[in-house]
């Protein structure tokens, strides 16, 4: 798995090849969250934080003790939080 990164989004585990630079940015952002979970700003939904790993995407996550859960990866053109 040297050329792949593993990302966990909720209950979905993704193995992604590093050749796709835009996906690599998300993996790098998730890895930074592991060591610096508060680098993102306070989220629009209570209890969440948000990081902009790339100009057009928002990574929504929450911190649960020593675990960082990525809850959503949302294009910035989409309404966030979603309307019920």
C-alpha atoms as a PDB file:
ATOM      1  CA  UNK A   1       0.000   0.000   0.000  1.00  0.00           C
ATOM      2  CA  UNK A   2       2.964   2.318  -0.425  1.00  0.00           C
ATOM      3  CA  UNK A   3       1.352   4.243  -3.305  1.00  0.00           C
ATOM      4  CA  UNK A   4      -2.115   4.352  -1.785  1.00  0.00           C
ATOM      5  CA  UNK A   5      -3.748   6.234   1.033  1.00  0.00           C
ATOM      6  CA  UNK A   6      -6.682   5.049   3.086  1.00  0.00           C
ATOM      7  CA  UNK A   7      -9.462   7.445   4.045  1.00  0.00           C
ATOM      8  CA  UNK A   8     -12.399   6.617   6.250  1.00  0.00           C
ATOM      9  CA  UNK A   9     -15.598   8.571   5.652  1.00  0.00           C
ATOM     10  CA  UNK A  10     -18.162   7.428   8.198  1.00  0.00           C
ATOM     11  CA  UNK A  11     -18.343   3.684   7.622  1.00  0.00           C
ATOM     12  CA  UNK A  12     -16.832   3.773   4.119  1.00  0.00           C
ATOM     13  CA  UNK A  13     -13.141   3.020   3.693  1.00  0.00           C
ATOM     14  CA  UNK A  14     -11.589   4.309   0.473  1.00  0.00           C
ATOM     15  CA  UNK A  15      -8.234   3.227  -0.904  1.00  0.00           C
ATOM     16  CA  UNK A  16      -7.040   5.896  -3.296  1.00  0.00           C
ATOM     17  CA  UNK A  17      -4.006   5.949  -5.565  1.00  0.00           C
ATOM     18  CA  UNK A  18      -1.686   8.873  -4.932  1.00  0.00           C
ATOM     19  CA  UNK A  19      -1.402   9.727  -8.645  1.00  0.00           C
ATOM     20  CA  UNK A  20      -4.602  11.767  -8.551  1.00  0.00           C
ATOM     21  CA  UNK A  21      -3.328  15.039  -7.151  1.00  0.00           C
ATOM     22  CA  UNK A  22      -6.720  16.450  -6.183  1.00  0.00           C
ATOM     23  CA  UNK A  23      -7.591  13.320  -4.199  1.00  0.00           C
ATOM     24  CA  UNK A  24      -4.131  13.383  -2.651  1.00  0.00           C
ATOM     25  CA  UNK A  25      -4.931  16.844  -1.296  1.00  0.00           C
ATOM     26  CA  UNK A  26      -7.892  15.385   0.595  1.00  0.00           C
ATOM     27  CA  UNK A  27      -5.746  12.569   1.948  1.00  0.00           C
ATOM     28  CA  UNK A  28      -3.077  15.026   3.044  1.00  0.00           C
ATOM     29  CA  UNK A  29      -5.706  17.184   4.741  1.00  0.00           C
ATOM     30  CA  UNK A  30      -7.108  14.157   6.584  1.00  0.00           C
ATOM     31  CA  UNK A  31      -3.584  13.186   7.668  1.00  0.00           C
ATOM     32  CA  UNK A  32      -3.000  16.721   9.010  1.00  0.00           C
ATOM     33  CA  UNK A  33      -6.205  16.427  11.015  1.00  0.00           C
ATOM     34  CA  UNK A  34      -4.786  13.357  12.736  1.00  0.00           C
ATOM     35  CA  UNK A  35      -2.021  15.438  14.303  1.00  0.00           C
ATOM     36  CA  UNK A  36      -3.664  18.879  14.359  1.00  0.00           C
ATOM     37  CA  UNK A  37      -7.420  18.312  14.680  1.00  0.00           C
ATOM     38  CA  UNK A  38      -8.260  21.948  15.420  1.00  0.00           C
ATOM     39  CA  UNK A  39      -6.693  23.450  12.273  1.00  0.00           C
ATOM     40  CA  UNK A  40     -10.139  23.842  10.712  1.00  0.00           C
ATOM     41  CA  UNK A  41     -12.586  26.566  11.658  1.00  0.00           C
ATOM     42  CA  UNK A  42     -15.700  26.044  13.759  1.00  0.00           C
ATOM     43  CA  UNK A  43     -18.343  24.420  11.573  1.00  0.00           C
ATOM     44  CA  UNK A  44     -21.793  25.659  10.592  1.00  0.00           C
ATOM     45  CA  UNK A  45     -23.309  22.645  12.365  1.00  0.00           C
ATOM     46  CA  UNK A  46     -22.840  22.539  16.122  1.00  0.00           C
ATOM     47  CA  UNK A  47     -20.031  20.194  17.197  1.00  0.00           C
ATOM     48  CA  UNK A  48     -18.348  20.139  13.788  1.00  0.00           C
ATOM     49  CA  UNK A  49     -15.297  21.788  12.300  1.00  0.00           C
ATOM     50  CA  UNK A  50     -14.535  22.587   8.657  1.00  0.00           C
ATOM     51  CA  UNK A  51     -11.332  22.535   6.669  1.00  0.00           C
ATOM     52  CA  UNK A  52     -10.935  23.751   3.086  1.00  0.00           C
ATOM     53  CA  UNK A  53      -8.370  21.275   1.680  1.00  0.00           C
ATOM     54  CA  UNK A  54      -8.868  22.609  -1.829  1.00  0.00           C
ATOM     55  CA  UNK A  55     -10.399  25.830  -3.121  1.00  0.00           C
ATOM     56  CA  UNK A  56     -13.721  24.235  -4.120  1.00  0.00           C
ATOM     57  CA  UNK A  57     -14.202  21.671  -1.359  1.00  0.00           C
ATOM     58  CA  UNK A  58     -15.108  21.760   2.315  1.00  0.00           C
ATOM     59  CA  UNK A  59     -14.187  18.837   4.595  1.00  0.00           C
ATOM     60  CA  UNK A  60     -16.638  18.670   7.505  1.00  0.00           C
ATOM     61  CA  UNK A  61     -15.415  16.734  10.517  1.00  0.00           C
ATOM     62  CA  UNK A  62     -15.905  16.244  14.222  1.00  0.00           C
ATOM     63  CA  UNK A  63     -13.455  15.481  16.992  1.00  0.00           C
ATOM     64  CA  UNK A  64     -14.418  12.628  19.324  1.00  0.00           C
ATOM     65  CA  UNK A  65     -11.729  12.299  21.974  1.00  0.00           C
ATOM     66  CA  UNK A  66      -8.634  11.135  20.086  1.00  0.00           C
ATOM     67  CA  UNK A  67     -10.577  10.306  16.908  1.00  0.00           C
ATOM     68  CA  UNK A  68     -11.334  12.640  14.006  1.00  0.00           C
ATOM     69  CA  UNK A  69     -14.393  11.634  11.981  1.00  0.00           C
ATOM     70  CA  UNK A  70     -14.722  13.065   8.471  1.00  0.00           C
ATOM     71  CA  UNK A  71     -18.467  13.484   8.079  1.00  0.00           C
ATOM     72  CA  UNK A  72     -18.739  15.032   4.630  1.00  0.00           C
ATOM     73  CA  UNK A  73     -16.743  16.310   1.701  1.00  0.00           C
ATOM     74  CA  UNK A  74     -18.863  19.029   0.102  1.00  0.00           C
ATOM     75  CA  UNK A  75     -18.340  21.115  -3.021  1.00  0.00           C
ATOM     76  CA  UNK A  76     -18.474  24.782  -2.024  1.00  0.00           C
ATOM     77  CA  UNK A  77     -21.139  25.475  -4.672  1.00  0.00           C
ATOM     78  CA  UNK A  78     -23.542  23.234  -2.735  1.00  0.00           C
ATOM     79  CA  UNK A  79     -25.650  24.519   0.112  1.00  0.00           C
ATOM     80  CA  UNK A  80     -24.175  23.587   3.470  1.00  0.00           C
ATOM     81  CA  UNK A  81     -25.644  22.546   5.742  1.00  0.00           C
ATOM     82  CA  UNK A  82     -28.247  20.809   3.596  1.00  0.00           C
ATOM     83  CA  UNK A  83     -31.831  21.975   3.891  1.00  0.00           C
ATOM     84  CA  UNK A  84     -34.206  19.426   5.408  1.00  0.00           C
END
